[in-house]
Amino acid sequence: MSKQTKEAKEAKHFDVDVKVRDFCSKSKVFFIIGLALILISLLSTFTGVNVALEFKGGTIITYSYVGDVDENGISKELTSLVGSTVKVQQGDSLDSDTKTLSLSFTSNDGLTIDRQNDVTNKVKELCPDNEVTLLDANDVNARSGGEFFAKCIVAAVFAALILIIYIAFRFKQISGWSAGVCAVLGLLSTLVVTYGCVVLCRFEIDSNFMAVILTLLGYAVNDTIVIYDRIRENQTLLPGIQIRDLVNISDSQSLRRSIRTSVTTFSSMLVVTIVALVMGLDSILSFSIPMMAGIAMGTFNSICFVPSLWVWWQTKRGITVLKPAKKKAKTSV
């Protein structure tokens, strides 16, 4: 730790109870971990991506039934009938004692009425004692799903640009534009790792995935903003301090708050995940598990990756000490 940091500990406004950790000295380790997670997430694409029917187009037919049915047997028979893979999903009816059977057929144009009738007759033939009743049949337009996906991407890009502009002006005393870009790069890596979690867990890219992405856009950057605010505050309280020491102090001051916030949110999602596992709610799991991955990665980025990246950027620009913020002169009335 440099001489300025030791002197800073004696500064009037410095919290001496905080143990200053040298985050910047481990920047290479943080970069390797971050880049490795990003690379693994991107390579996961080659294992196959499950895209939901709402983005591919097709037909969803839902039946009610009683008793137990052979899900694998139905899937095999219907695949032979329609000539394409059929996704079979069972559920419980909320308004009766019956169960539901949802059949998803991927097709650009959907199934014709005659083909839907053939499917219904086949299901009743396979389940003669289960009182199978047709509840609903819907064609899903891939174009609508594609438009929704495109709107989400546009929203994400727009949010990133607004974030850069906000940080650039809010924290202009600490080279705001570079701080904004670093924050967005950290956010982008969080979203990429979340995507990798979805793919590796064999979840579908569906509306749940888009909900996770949009949620993380607003959540994952909060801790980074708090650390930037600490850096700006300490820039005035500790004039002349080395930028590495300034970041180490600010990061250490924010560490407990960041961890507490993340652990609380992560624990909430963990409880939701456990309940979903017990109840067999796959649709909830496809939201809660990626959210936990995003929260964990976002915390790592805010505490370790983004501050180290920002210090590296300033060092490359030849900036080792930030100029103290100018205090506005008070005018007498």
Foldseek 3Di string as FASTA:
>chain_A
DDPLLVVLCVFPPADVVFDFDQLLVCQVVLVVVLVVLLVLLVVLVVVDAAADCLQQWEKKWKKKWDDDADQVVLQVVVCVLVVHGKDWDKAADPPDRIIMIMITDGDQVYDDPVSVVVSVVVVCVRVVPTPIDTDDMDTRHNVVSVVVVVVLVVVLVVLLVVQLVVQCVVLVLLVRNLLSVLLSVLLVSLLSSLSSQCSVVNHHPDVLNSVLNVVSSPVLSVLLVQLSVQLLVVCQSRPPDWLSSSSSSSLSVSVVVLVVVLVVVLVVLVVQCVVCVVVVPVVSNSNSVSNNSSSVSSSSSSRRNSSSSSSVVCVVVVDTGRGRDDDDDDDDD
